[in-house]
Amino acid sequence: MSKRTEPSPVGPSAEEAPLQRASRSHAYGQAQAGKDGYREIAWLLIKYRMEHGLTQEQLAKRVGTSYSQISRIESGRQRTSLETLLRMARALDLKMVIGFEETSGEAAGRRELVAI
């Protein structure tokens, strides 16, 4: 006998909802995949902010921006400029590393990085 699960009266969890929507909409899935890098940056920023014992508001003051902008960046849903990321890195006493990676040919996968 298989176990039957009842649907939640409040709907899917925050983790399940985008997966369900992506399975129904190819365009939505592609849009979400395009934000993967921003979500990874968001997780790193949250990690370093917490390691420094800062709230979003305290980081915003150090960066010279608003609490709401820090919140949007940390949600991983908002694209942000390289300049803003650099200011955030400096506010967290970090260097930012950027680079390029070959995507085709014999050099595919080769990365060149620069710390700024």
PDB file of N, CA and C in Angstrom:
ATOM      1  N   MET A   1       0.826  -1.174   0.000  1.00  0.00           N
ATOM      2  CA  MET A   1       0.000   0.000   0.000  1.00  0.00           C
ATOM      3  C   MET A   1       0.875   1.245   0.000  1.00  0.00           C
ATOM      4  N   SER A   2       0.579   2.176  -0.884  1.00  0.00           N
ATOM      5  CA  SER A   2       1.367   3.408  -0.919  1.00  0.00           C
ATOM      6  C   SER A   2       0.776   4.421   0.049  1.00  0.00           C
ATOM      7  N   LYS A   3       1.655   5.198   0.610  1.00  0.00           N
ATOM      8  CA  LYS A   3       1.234   6.221   1.556  1.00  0.00           C
ATOM      9  C   LYS A   3       0.706   7.426   0.781  1.00  0.00           C
ATOM     10  N   ARG A   4      -0.482   7.854   1.114  1.00  0.00           N
ATOM     11  CA  ARG A   4      -1.092   9.002   0.443  1.00  0.00           C
ATOM     12  C   ARG A   4      -0.853  10.246   1.283  1.00  0.00           C
ATOM     13  N   THR A   5      -0.369  11.284   0.631  1.00  0.00           N
ATOM     14  CA  THR A   5      -0.149  12.538   1.351  1.00  0.00           C
ATOM     15  C   THR A   5      -1.210  13.537   0.929  1.00  0.00           C
ATOM     16  N   GLU A   6      -1.705  14.244   1.895  1.00  0.00           N
ATOM     17  CA  GLU A   6      -2.725  15.254   1.648  1.00  0.00           C
ATOM     18  C   GLU A   6      -2.045  16.564   1.270  1.00  0.00           C
ATOM     19  N   PRO A   7      -2.617  17.312   0.333  1.00  0.00           N
ATOM     20  CA  PRO A   7      -2.034  18.614   0.004  1.00  0.00           C
ATOM     21  C   PRO A   7      -2.165  19.565   1.187  1.00  0.00           C
ATOM     22  N   SER A   8      -1.202  20.436   1.322  1.00  0.00           N
ATOM     23  CA  SER A   8      -1.219  21.409   2.400  1.00  0.00           C
ATOM     24  C   SER A   8      -2.333  22.422   2.148  1.00  0.00           C
ATOM     25  N   PRO A   9      -3.067  22.828   3.174  1.00  0.00           N
ATOM     26  CA  PRO A   9      -4.120  23.838   2.986  1.00  0.00           C
ATOM     27  C   PRO A   9      -3.546  25.212   2.649  1.00  0.00           C
ATOM     28  N   VAL A  10      -2.252  25.435   2.901  1.00  0.00           N
ATOM     29  CA  VAL A  10      -1.652  26.729   2.594  1.00  0.00           C
ATOM     30  C   VAL A  10      -0.811  26.690   1.318  1.00  0.00           C
ATOM     31  N   GLY A  11      -0.746  25.553   0.666  1.00  0.00           N
ATOM     32  CA  GLY A  11       0.002  25.445  -0.584  1.00  0.00           C
ATOM     33  C   GLY A  11       1.400  24.895  -0.378  1.00  0.00           C
ATOM     34  N   PRO A  12       2.174  24.878  -1.447  1.00  0.00           N
ATOM     35  CA  PRO A  12       3.524  24.311  -1.363  1.00  0.00           C
ATOM     36  C   PRO A  12       4.460  25.203  -0.557  1.00  0.00           C
ATOM     37  N   SER A  13       5.562  24.607  -0.105  1.00  0.00           N
ATOM     38  CA  SER A  13       6.555  25.375   0.642  1.00  0.00           C
ATOM     39  C   SER A  13       7.278  26.322  -0.301  1.00  0.00           C
ATOM     40  N   ALA A  14       8.058  27.229   0.263  1.00  0.00           N
ATOM     41  CA  ALA A  14       8.817  28.183  -0.548  1.00  0.00           C
ATOM     42  C   ALA A  14       9.818  27.477  -1.445  1.00  0.00           C
ATOM     43  N   GLU A  15      10.320  26.327  -1.011  1.00  0.00           N
ATOM     44  CA  GLU A  15      11.263  25.566  -1.825  1.00  0.00           C
ATOM     45  C   GLU A  15      10.551  24.797  -2.940  1.00  0.00           C
ATOM     46  N   GLU A  16       9.361  24.304  -2.654  1.00  0.00           N
ATOM     47  CA  GLU A  16       8.629  23.486  -3.622  1.00  0.00           C
ATOM     48  C   GLU A  16       7.940  24.311  -4.711  1.00  0.00           C
ATOM     49  N   ALA A  17       7.446  25.486  -4.360  1.00  0.00           N
ATOM     50  CA  ALA A  17       6.650  26.287  -5.298  1.00  0.00           C
ATOM     51  C   ALA A  17       7.379  26.602  -6.599  1.00  0.00           C
ATOM     52  N   PRO A  18       8.628  27.107  -6.550  1.00  0.00           N
ATOM     53  CA  PRO A  18       9.287  27.405  -7.824  1.00  0.00           C
ATOM     54  C   PRO A  18       9.580  26.146  -8.643  1.00  0.00           C
ATOM     55  N   LEU A  19       9.850  25.041  -7.967  1.00  0.00           N
ATOM     56  CA  LEU A  19      10.100  23.788  -8.694  1.00  0.00           C
ATOM     57  C   LEU A  19       8.841  23.328  -9.423  1.00  0.00           C
ATOM     58  N   GLN A  20       7.699  23.447  -8.752  1.00  0.00           N
ATOM     59  CA  GLN A  20       6.433  23.066  -9.382  1.00  0.00           C
ATOM     60  C   GLN A  20       6.131  23.977 -10.569  1.00  0.00           C
ATOM     61  N   ARG A  21       6.344  25.271 -10.379  1.00  0.00           N
ATOM     62  CA  ARG A  21       6.060  26.216 -11.460  1.00  0.00           C
ATOM     63  C   ARG A  21       6.997  25.983 -12.640  1.00  0.00           C
ATOM     64  N   ALA A  22       8.262  25.704 -12.361  1.00  0.00           N
ATOM     65  CA  ALA A  22       9.234  25.449 -13.437  1.00  0.00           C
ATOM     66  C   ALA A  22       8.868  24.195 -14.216  1.00  0.00           C
ATOM     67  N   SER A  23       8.280  23.210 -13.533  1.00  0.00           N
ATOM     68  CA  SER A  23       7.883  21.985 -14.240  1.00  0.00           C
ATOM     69  C   SER A  23       6.700  22.236 -15.177  1.00  0.00           C
ATOM     70  N   ARG A  24       5.924  23.285 -14.903  1.00  0.00           N
ATOM     71  CA  ARG A  24       4.772  23.620 -15.754  1.00  0.00           C
ATOM     72  C   ARG A  24       5.107  24.643 -16.833  1.00  0.00           C
ATOM     73  N   SER A  25       6.171  25.416 -16.630  1.00  0.00           N
ATOM     74  CA  SER A  25       6.481  26.498 -17.569  1.00  0.00           C
ATOM     75  C   SER A  25       7.963  26.495 -17.914  1.00  0.00           C
ATOM     76  N   HIS A  26       8.264  26.177 -19.160  1.00  0.00           N
ATOM     77  CA  HIS A  26       9.652  26.164 -19.614  1.00  0.00           C
ATOM     78  C   HIS A  26      10.275  27.556 -19.491  1.00  0.00           C
ATOM     79  N   ALA A  27       9.543  28.599 -19.848  1.00  0.00           N
ATOM     80  CA  ALA A  27      10.063  29.965 -19.772  1.00  0.00           C
ATOM     81  C   ALA A  27      10.407  30.341 -18.329  1.00  0.00           C
ATOM     82  N   TYR A  28       9.552  29.956 -17.389  1.00  0.00           N
ATOM     83  CA  TYR A  28       9.812  30.244 -15.976  1.00  0.00           C
ATOM     84  C   TYR A  28      11.061  29.493 -15.521  1.00  0.00           C
ATOM     85  N   GLY A  29      11.187  28.246 -15.926  1.00  0.00           N
ATOM     86  CA  GLY A  29      12.357  27.445 -15.562  1.00  0.00           C
ATOM     87  C   GLY A  29      13.641  28.070 -16.060  1.00  0.00           C
ATOM     88  N   GLN A  30      13.618  28.570 -17.302  1.00  0.00           N
ATOM     89  CA  GLN A  30      14.797  29.224 -17.862  1.00  0.00           C
ATOM     90  C   GLN A  30      15.120  30.515 -17.108  1.00  0.00           C
ATOM     91  N   ALA A  31      14.099  31.280 -16.773  1.00  0.00           N
ATOM     92  CA  ALA A  31      14.316  32.526 -16.040  1.00  0.00           C
ATOM     93  C   ALA A  31      14.921  32.241 -14.668  1.00  0.00           C
ATOM     94  N   GLN A  32      14.431  31.208 -14.008  1.00  0.00           N
ATOM     95  CA  GLN A  32      14.961  30.835 -12.698  1.00  0.00           C
ATOM     96  C   GLN A  32      16.409  30.370 -12.808  1.00  0.00           C
ATOM     97  N   ALA A  33      16.706  29.576 -13.835  1.00  0.00           N
ATOM     98  CA  ALA A  33      18.068  29.084 -14.025  1.00  0.00           C
ATOM     99  C   ALA A  33      19.023  30.243 -14.260  1.00  0.00           C
ATOM    100  N   GLY A  34      18.552  31.293 -14.897  1.00  0.00           N
ATOM    101  CA  GLY A  34      19.379  32.467 -15.135  1.00  0.00           C
ATOM    102  C   GLY A  34      19.735  33.222 -13.875  1.00  0.00           C
ATOM    103  N   LYS A  35      19.036  32.943 -12.791  1.00  0.00           N
ATOM    104  CA  LYS A  35      19.291  33.618 -11.518  1.00  0.00           C
ATOM    105  C   LYS A  35      20.126  32.783 -10.561  1.00  0.00           C
ATOM    106  N   ASP A  36      20.541  31.589 -10.987  1.00  0.00           N
ATOM    107  CA  ASP A  36      21.297  30.702 -10.105  1.00  0.00           C
ATOM    108  C   ASP A  36      22.544  31.373  -9.533  1.00  0.00           C
ATOM    109  N   GLY A  37      23.291  32.061 -10.381  1.00  0.00           N
ATOM    110  CA  GLY A  37      24.501  32.738  -9.917  1.00  0.00           C
ATOM    111  C   GLY A  37      24.208  33.794  -8.878  1.00  0.00           C
ATOM    112  N   TYR A  38      23.106  34.521  -9.056  1.00  0.00           N
ATOM    113  CA  TYR A  38      22.742  35.555  -8.090  1.00  0.00           C
ATOM    114  C   TYR A  38      22.363  34.943  -6.749  1.00  0.00           C
ATOM    115  N   ARG A  39      21.705  33.781  -6.786  1.00  0.00           N
ATOM    116  CA  ARG A  39      21.367  33.109  -5.529  1.00  0.00           C
ATOM    117  C   ARG A  39      22.629  32.638  -4.813  1.00  0.00           C
ATOM    118  N   GLU A  40      23.605  32.168  -5.568  1.00  0.00           N
ATOM    119  CA  GLU A  40      24.858  31.725  -4.943  1.00  0.00           C
ATOM    120  C   GLU A  40      25.612  32.904  -4.341  1.00  0.00           C
ATOM    121  N   ILE A  41      25.625  34.031  -5.039  1.00  0.00           N
ATOM    122  CA  ILE A  41      26.239  35.238  -4.488  1.00  0.00           C
ATOM    123  C   ILE A  41      25.497  35.647  -3.220  1.00  0.00           C
ATOM    124  N   ALA A  42      24.177  35.567  -3.251  1.00  0.00           N
ATOM    125  CA  ALA A  42      23.366  35.934  -2.078  1.00  0.00           C
ATOM    126  C   ALA A  42      23.746  35.082  -0.874  1.00  0.00           C
ATOM    127  N   TRP A  43      23.882  33.772  -1.073  1.00  0.00           N
ATOM    128  CA  TRP A  43      24.246  32.883   0.042  1.00  0.00           C
ATOM    129  C   TRP A  43      25.611  33.248   0.607  1.00  0.00           C
ATOM    130  N   LEU A  44      26.565  33.573  -0.269  1.00  0.00           N
ATOM    131  CA  LEU A  44      27.888  33.973   0.210  1.00  0.00           C
ATOM    132  C   LEU A  44      27.821  35.274   1.003  1.00  0.00           C
ATOM    133  N   LEU A  45      27.064  36.245   0.500  1.00  0.00           N
ATOM    134  CA  LEU A  45      26.944  37.517   1.213  1.00  0.00           C
ATOM    135  C   LEU A  45      26.310  37.326   2.588  1.00  0.00           C
ATOM    136  N   ILE A  46      25.276  36.506   2.649  1.00  0.00           N
ATOM    137  CA  ILE A  46      24.631  36.231   3.939  1.00  0.00           C
ATOM    138  C   ILE A  46      25.627  35.576   4.886  1.00  0.00           C
ATOM    139  N   LYS A  47      26.361  34.590   4.380  1.00  0.00           N
ATOM    140  CA  LYS A  47      27.346  33.868   5.197  1.00  0.00           C
ATOM    141  C   LYS A  47      28.373  34.835   5.784  1.00  0.00           C
ATOM    142  N   TYR A  48      28.972  35.667   4.921  1.00  0.00           N
ATOM    143  CA  TYR A  48      29.999  36.584   5.409  1.00  0.00           C
ATOM    144  C   TYR A  48      29.424  37.663   6.311  1.00  0.00           C
ATOM    145  N   ARG A  49      28.228  38.143   6.008  1.00  0.00           N
ATOM    146  CA  ARG A  49      27.596  39.150   6.878  1.00  0.00           C
ATOM    147  C   ARG A  49      27.376  38.577   8.268  1.00  0.00           C
ATOM    148  N   MET A  50      26.893  37.334   8.322  1.00  0.00           N
ATOM    149  CA  MET A  50      26.633  36.705   9.614  1.00  0.00           C
ATOM    150  C   MET A  50      27.935  36.407  10.353  1.00  0.00           C
ATOM    151  N   GLU A  51      28.981  36.001   9.621  1.00  0.00           N
ATOM    152  CA  GLU A  51      30.275  35.752  10.261  1.00  0.00           C
ATOM    153  C   GLU A  51      30.836  37.025  10.891  1.00  0.00           C
ATOM    154  N   HIS A  52      30.493  38.173  10.319  1.00  0.00           N
ATOM    155  CA  HIS A  52      30.928  39.448  10.870  1.00  0.00           C
ATOM    156  C   HIS A  52      29.955  39.983  11.926  1.00  0.00           C
ATOM    157  N   GLY A  53      28.889  39.225  12.201  1.00  0.00           N
ATOM    158  CA  GLY A  53      27.922  39.613  13.228  1.00  0.00           C
ATOM    159  C   GLY A  53      27.134  40.858  12.879  1.00  0.00           C
ATOM    160  N   LEU A  54      26.883  41.065  11.592  1.00  0.00           N
ATOM    161  CA  LEU A  54      26.168  42.264  11.158  1.00  0.00           C
ATOM    162  C   LEU A  54      24.731  41.963  10.763  1.00  0.00           C
ATOM    163  N   THR A  55      23.862  42.906  11.024  1.00  0.00           N
ATOM    164  CA  THR A  55      22.499  42.826  10.500  1.00  0.00           C
ATOM    165  C   THR A  55      22.517  43.407   9.089  1.00  0.00           C
ATOM    166  N   GLN A  56      21.439  43.214   8.360  1.00  0.00           N
ATOM    167  CA  GLN A  56      21.339  43.821   7.035  1.00  0.00           C
ATOM    168  C   GLN A  56      21.417  45.344   7.142  1.00  0.00           C
ATOM    169  N   GLU A  57      20.801  45.894   8.160  1.00  0.00           N
ATOM    170  CA  GLU A  57      20.810  47.341   8.349  1.00  0.00           C
ATOM    171  C   GLU A  57      22.227  47.852   8.616  1.00  0.00           C
ATOM    172  N   GLN A  58      22.981  47.133   9.448  1.00  0.00           N
ATOM    173  CA  GLN A  58      24.357  47.549   9.733  1.00  0.00           C
ATOM    174  C   GLN A  58      25.228  47.464   8.479  1.00  0.00           C
ATOM    175  N   LEU A  59      25.047  46.397   7.693  1.00  0.00           N
ATOM    176  CA  LEU A  59      25.805  46.276   6.449  1.00  0.00           C
ATOM    177  C   LEU A  59      25.423  47.390   5.486  1.00  0.00           C
ATOM    178  N   ALA A  60      24.155  47.694   5.407  1.00  0.00           N
ATOM    179  CA  ALA A  60      23.699  48.768   4.518  1.00  0.00           C
ATOM    180  C   ALA A  60      24.376  50.088   4.870  1.00  0.00           C
ATOM    181  N   LYS A  61      24.512  50.388   6.149  1.00  0.00           N
ATOM    182  CA  LYS A  61      25.175  51.627   6.567  1.00  0.00           C
ATOM    183  C   LYS A  61      26.639  51.618   6.142  1.00  0.00           C
ATOM    184  N   ARG A  62      27.308  50.486   6.290  1.00  0.00           N
ATOM    185  CA  ARG A  62      28.719  50.384   5.882  1.00  0.00           C
ATOM    186  C   ARG A  62      28.878  50.540   4.368  1.00  0.00           C
ATOM    187  N   VAL A  63      27.913  50.013   3.621  1.00  0.00           N
ATOM    188  CA  VAL A  63      27.976  50.041   2.164  1.00  0.00           C
ATOM    189  C   VAL A  63      27.536  51.398   1.618  1.00  0.00           C
ATOM    190  N   GLY A  64      26.708  52.098   2.385  1.00  0.00           N
ATOM    191  CA  GLY A  64      26.166  53.371   1.912  1.00  0.00           C
ATOM    192  C   GLY A  64      24.938  53.173   1.048  1.00  0.00           C
ATOM    193  N   THR A  65      24.128  52.224   1.423  1.00  0.00           N
ATOM    194  CA  THR A  65      22.905  51.931   0.677  1.00  0.00           C
ATOM    195  C   THR A  65      21.770  51.696   1.654  1.00  0.00           C
ATOM    196  N   SER A  66      20.630  51.302   1.151  1.00  0.00           N
ATOM    197  CA  SER A  66      19.472  51.077   2.010  1.00  0.00           C
ATOM    198  C   SER A  66      19.396  49.624   2.473  1.00  0.00           C
ATOM    199  N   TYR A  67      18.743  49.459   3.604  1.00  0.00           N
ATOM    200  CA  TYR A  67      18.484  48.116   4.128  1.00  0.00           C
ATOM    201  C   TYR A  67      17.698  47.296   3.110  1.00  0.00           C
ATOM    202  N   SER A  68      16.738  47.938   2.433  1.00  0.00           N
ATOM    203  CA  SER A  68      15.903  47.202   1.481  1.00  0.00           C
ATOM    204  C   SER A  68      16.719  46.697   0.299  1.00  0.00           C
ATOM    205  N   GLN A  69      17.740  47.453  -0.123  1.00  0.00           N
ATOM    206  CA  GLN A  69      18.571  46.966  -1.226  1.00  0.00           C
ATOM    207  C   GLN A  69      19.377  45.748  -0.783  1.00  0.00           C
ATOM    208  N   ILE A  70      19.933  45.772   0.416  1.00  0.00           N
ATOM    209  CA  ILE A  70      20.667  44.611   0.933  1.00  0.00           C
ATOM    210  C   ILE A  70      19.730  43.414   0.994  1.00  0.00           C
ATOM    211  N   SER A  71      18.522  43.629   1.471  1.00  0.00           N
ATOM    212  CA  SER A  71      17.534  42.556   1.559  1.00  0.00           C
ATOM    213  C   SER A  71      17.230  41.962   0.194  1.00  0.00           C
ATOM    214  N   ARG A  72      17.035  42.812  -0.803  1.00  0.00           N
ATOM    215  CA  ARG A  72      16.741  42.321  -2.158  1.00  0.00           C
ATOM    216  C   ARG A  72      17.926  41.555  -2.738  1.00  0.00           C
ATOM    217  N   ILE A  73      19.139  42.048  -2.511  1.00  0.00           N
ATOM    218  CA  ILE A  73      20.332  41.353  -3.011  1.00  0.00           C
ATOM    219  C   ILE A  73      20.459  39.994  -2.341  1.00  0.00           C
ATOM    220  N   GLU A  74      20.255  39.952  -1.022  1.00  0.00           N
ATOM    221  CA  GLU A  74      20.385  38.691  -0.289  1.00  0.00           C
ATOM    222  C   GLU A  74      19.273  37.699  -0.609  1.00  0.00           C
ATOM    223  N   SER A  75      18.183  38.173  -1.183  1.00  0.00           N
ATOM    224  CA  SER A  75      17.118  37.245  -1.573  1.00  0.00           C
ATOM    225  C   SER A  75      17.524  36.455  -2.810  1.00  0.00           C
ATOM    226  N   GLY A  76      18.527  36.959  -3.546  1.00  0.00           N
ATOM    227  CA  GLY A  76      18.979  36.291  -4.757  1.00  0.00           C
ATOM    228  C   GLY A  76      18.087  36.518  -5.954  1.00  0.00           C
ATOM    229  N   ARG A  77      17.084  37.367  -5.792  1.00  0.00           N
ATOM    230  CA  ARG A  77      16.141  37.618  -6.898  1.00  0.00           C
ATOM    231  C   ARG A  77      16.462  38.894  -7.655  1.00  0.00           C
ATOM    232  N   GLN A  78      17.363  39.701  -7.119  1.00  0.00           N
ATOM    233  CA  GLN A  78      17.667  40.969  -7.770  1.00  0.00           C
ATOM    234  C   GLN A  78      19.095  40.972  -8.284  1.00  0.00           C
ATOM    235  N   ARG A  79      19.243  41.381  -9.526  1.00  0.00           N
ATOM    236  CA  ARG A  79      20.578  41.571 -10.077  1.00  0.00           C
ATOM    237  C   ARG A  79      21.148  42.838  -9.470  1.00  0.00           C
ATOM    238  N   THR A  80      22.437  42.830  -9.268  1.00  0.00           N
ATOM    239  CA  THR A  80      23.071  44.012  -8.704  1.00  0.00           C
ATOM    240  C   THR A  80      24.329  44.322  -9.497  1.00  0.00           C
ATOM    241  N   SER A  81      24.788  45.537  -9.360  1.00  0.00           N
ATOM    242  CA  SER A  81      25.952  45.955 -10.133  1.00  0.00           C
ATOM    243  C   SER A  81      27.246  45.434  -9.511  1.00  0.00           C
ATOM    244  N   LEU A  82      28.247  45.368 -10.340  1.00  0.00           N
ATOM    245  CA  LEU A  82      29.573  44.977  -9.886  1.00  0.00           C
ATOM    246  C   LEU A  82      30.080  45.963  -8.836  1.00  0.00           C
ATOM    247  N   GLU A  83      29.790  47.238  -9.038  1.00  0.00           N
ATOM    248  CA  GLU A  83      30.215  48.263  -8.082  1.00  0.00           C
ATOM    249  C   GLU A  83      29.589  48.039  -6.705  1.00  0.00           C
ATOM    250  N   THR A  84      28.310  47.702  -6.660  1.00  0.00           N
ATOM    251  CA  THR A  84      27.645  47.449  -5.374  1.00  0.00           C
ATOM    252  C   THR A  84      28.247  46.228  -4.699  1.00  0.00           C
ATOM    253  N   LEU A  85      28.500  45.173  -5.461  1.00  0.00           N
ATOM    254  CA  LEU A  85      29.118  43.968  -4.888  1.00  0.00           C
ATOM    255  C   LEU A  85      30.510  44.283  -4.348  1.00  0.00           C
ATOM    256  N   LEU A  86      31.254  45.116  -5.056  1.00  0.00           N
ATOM    257  CA  LEU A  86      32.585  45.499  -4.604  1.00  0.00           C
ATOM    258  C   LEU A  86      32.507  46.291  -3.301  1.00  0.00           C
ATOM    259  N   ARG A  87      31.547  47.208  -3.198  1.00  0.00           N
ATOM    260  CA  ARG A  87      31.364  47.969  -1.950  1.00  0.00           C
ATOM    261  C   ARG A  87      30.978  47.045  -0.800  1.00  0.00           C
ATOM    262  N   MET A  88      30.140  46.041  -1.093  1.00  0.00           N
ATOM    263  CA  MET A  88      29.753  45.088  -0.053  1.00  0.00           C
ATOM    264  C   MET A  88      30.961  44.270   0.393  1.00  0.00           C
ATOM    265  N   ALA A  89      31.781  43.819  -0.562  1.00  0.00           N
ATOM    266  CA  ALA A  89      32.982  43.047  -0.211  1.00  0.00           C
ATOM    267  C   ALA A  89      33.894  43.878   0.689  1.00  0.00           C
ATOM    268  N   ARG A  90      34.119  45.116   0.317  1.00  0.00           N
ATOM    269  CA  ARG A  90      34.993  45.980   1.121  1.00  0.00           C
ATOM    270  C   ARG A  90      34.413  46.215   2.512  1.00  0.00           C
ATOM    271  N   ALA A  91      33.091  46.368   2.597  1.00  0.00           N
ATOM    272  CA  ALA A  91      32.439  46.570   3.896  1.00  0.00           C
ATOM    273  C   ALA A  91      32.588  45.346   4.789  1.00  0.00           C
ATOM    274  N   LEU A  92      32.775  44.187   4.171  1.00  0.00           N
ATOM    275  CA  LEU A  92      32.954  42.934   4.916  1.00  0.00           C
ATOM    276  C   LEU A  92      34.429  42.545   5.018  1.00  0.00           C
ATOM    277  N   ASP A  93      35.321  43.470   4.655  1.00  0.00           N
ATOM    278  CA  ASP A  93      36.760  43.252   4.701  1.00  0.00           C
ATOM    279  C   ASP A  93      37.166  42.038   3.857  1.00  0.00           C
ATOM    280  N   LEU A  94      36.606  41.985   2.643  1.00  0.00           N
ATOM    281  CA  LEU A  94      36.882  40.895   1.711  1.00  0.00           C
ATOM    282  C   LEU A  94      37.401  41.461   0.396  1.00  0.00           C
ATOM    283  N   LYS A  95      38.068  40.617  -0.359  1.00  0.00           N
ATOM    284  CA  LYS A  95      38.389  40.948  -1.741  1.00  0.00           C
ATOM    285  C   LYS A  95      37.371  40.226  -2.601  1.00  0.00           C
ATOM    286  N   MET A  96      36.992  40.856  -3.679  1.00  0.00           N
ATOM    287  CA  MET A  96      36.071  40.206  -4.605  1.00  0.00           C
ATOM    288  C   MET A  96      36.895  39.602  -5.738  1.00  0.00           C
ATOM    289  N   VAL A  97      36.535  38.396  -6.122  1.00  0.00           N
ATOM    290  CA  VAL A  97      37.223  37.706  -7.204  1.00  0.00           C
ATOM    291  C   VAL A  97      36.246  37.563  -8.358  1.00  0.00           C
ATOM    292  N   ILE A  98      36.664  38.043  -9.534  1.00  0.00           N
ATOM    293  CA  ILE A  98      35.827  37.900 -10.720  1.00  0.00           C
ATOM    294  C   ILE A  98      36.655  37.251 -11.809  1.00  0.00           C
ATOM    295  N   GLY A  99      35.987  36.692 -12.779  1.00  0.00           N
ATOM    296  CA  GLY A  99      36.738  36.053 -13.840  1.00  0.00           C
ATOM    297  C   GLY A  99      35.872  35.620 -14.997  1.00  0.00           C
ATOM    298  N   PHE A 100      36.521  34.906 -15.886  1.00  0.00           N
ATOM    299  CA  PHE A 100      35.865  34.384 -17.072  1.00  0.00           C
ATOM    300  C   PHE A 100      36.193  32.905 -17.188  1.00  0.00           C
ATOM    301  N   GLU A 101      35.253  32.169 -17.790  1.00  0.00           N
ATOM    302  CA  GLU A 101      35.443  30.744 -18.002  1.00  0.00           C
ATOM    303  C   GLU A 101      35.105  30.416 -19.449  1.00  0.00           C
ATOM    304  N   GLU A 102      36.004  29.691 -20.103  1.00  0.00           N
ATOM    305  CA  GLU A 102      35.766  29.239 -21.474  1.00  0.00           C
ATOM    306  C   GLU A 102      34.586  28.274 -21.472  1.00  0.00           C
ATOM    307  N   THR A 103      33.690  28.431 -22.437  1.00  0.00           N
ATOM    308  CA  THR A 103      32.511  27.562 -22.492  1.00  0.00           C
ATOM    309  C   THR A 103      32.534  26.575 -23.641  1.00  0.00           C
ATOM    310  N   SER A 104      33.498  26.730 -24.550  1.00  0.00           N
ATOM    311  CA  SER A 104      33.542  25.801 -25.679  1.00  0.00           C
ATOM    312  C   SER A 104      34.976  25.591 -26.136  1.00  0.00           C
ATOM    313  N   GLY A 105      35.132  24.647 -27.025  1.00  0.00           N
ATOM    314  CA  GLY A 105      36.444  24.364 -27.589  1.00  0.00           C
ATOM    315  C   GLY A 105      37.320  23.577 -26.638  1.00  0.00           C
ATOM    316  N   GLU A 106      38.591  23.466 -27.001  1.00  0.00           N
ATOM    317  CA  GLU A 106      39.539  22.698 -26.199  1.00  0.00           C
ATOM    318  C   GLU A 106      39.775  23.308 -24.827  1.00  0.00           C
ATOM    319  N   ALA A 107      39.576  24.611 -24.708  1.00  0.00           N
ATOM    320  CA  ALA A 107      39.832  25.303 -23.439  1.00  0.00           C
ATOM    321  C   ALA A 107      38.589  25.350 -22.541  1.00  0.00           C
ATOM    322  N   ALA A 108      37.520  24.681 -22.920  1.00  0.00           N
ATOM    323  CA  ALA A 108      36.294  24.713 -22.136  1.00  0.00           C
ATOM    324  C   ALA A 108      36.594  24.361 -20.673  1.00  0.00           C
ATOM    325  N   GLY A 109      36.090  25.179 -19.786  1.00  0.00           N
ATOM    326  CA  GLY A 109      36.291  24.954 -18.369  1.00  0.00           C
ATOM    327  C   GLY A 109      37.467  25.733 -17.797  1.00  0.00           C
ATOM    328  N   ARG A 110      38.341  26.245 -18.645  1.00  0.00           N
ATOM    329  CA  ARG A 110      39.464  27.032 -18.158  1.00  0.00           C
ATOM    330  C   ARG A 110      38.967  28.353 -17.607  1.00  0.00           C
ATOM    331  N   ARG A 111      39.481  28.711 -16.429  1.00  0.00           N
ATOM    332  CA  ARG A 111      39.058  29.955 -15.776  1.00  0.00           C
ATOM    333  C   ARG A 111      40.237  30.883 -15.589  1.00  0.00           C
ATOM    334  N   GLU A 112      39.956  32.157 -15.713  1.00  0.00           N
ATOM    335  CA  GLU A 112      40.928  33.206 -15.418  1.00  0.00           C
ATOM    336  C   GLU A 112      40.261  34.124 -14.390  1.00  0.00           C
ATOM    337  N   LEU A 113      40.883  34.288 -13.232  1.00  0.00           N
ATOM    338  CA  LEU A 113      40.297  35.050 -12.137  1.00  0.00           C
ATOM    339  C   LEU A 113      41.188  36.220 -11.747  1.00  0.00           C
ATOM    340  N   VAL A 114      40.548  37.274 -11.244  1.00  0.00           N
ATOM    341  CA  VAL A 114      41.239  38.459 -10.768  1.00  0.00           C
ATOM    342  C   VAL A 114      40.598  38.868  -9.451  1.00  0.00           C
ATOM    343  N   ALA A 115      41.423  39.142  -8.439  1.00  0.00           N
ATOM    344  CA  ALA A 115      40.921  39.653  -7.160  1.00  0.00           C
ATOM    345  C   ALA A 115      40.975  41.168  -7.197  1.00  0.00           C
ATOM    346  N   ILE A 116      39.866  41.810  -6.847  1.00  0.00           N
ATOM    347  CA  ILE A 116      39.849  43.284  -6.815  1.00  0.00           C
ATOM    348  C   ILE A 116      39.376  43.771  -5.463  1.00  0.00           C
TER     349      ILE A 116
END
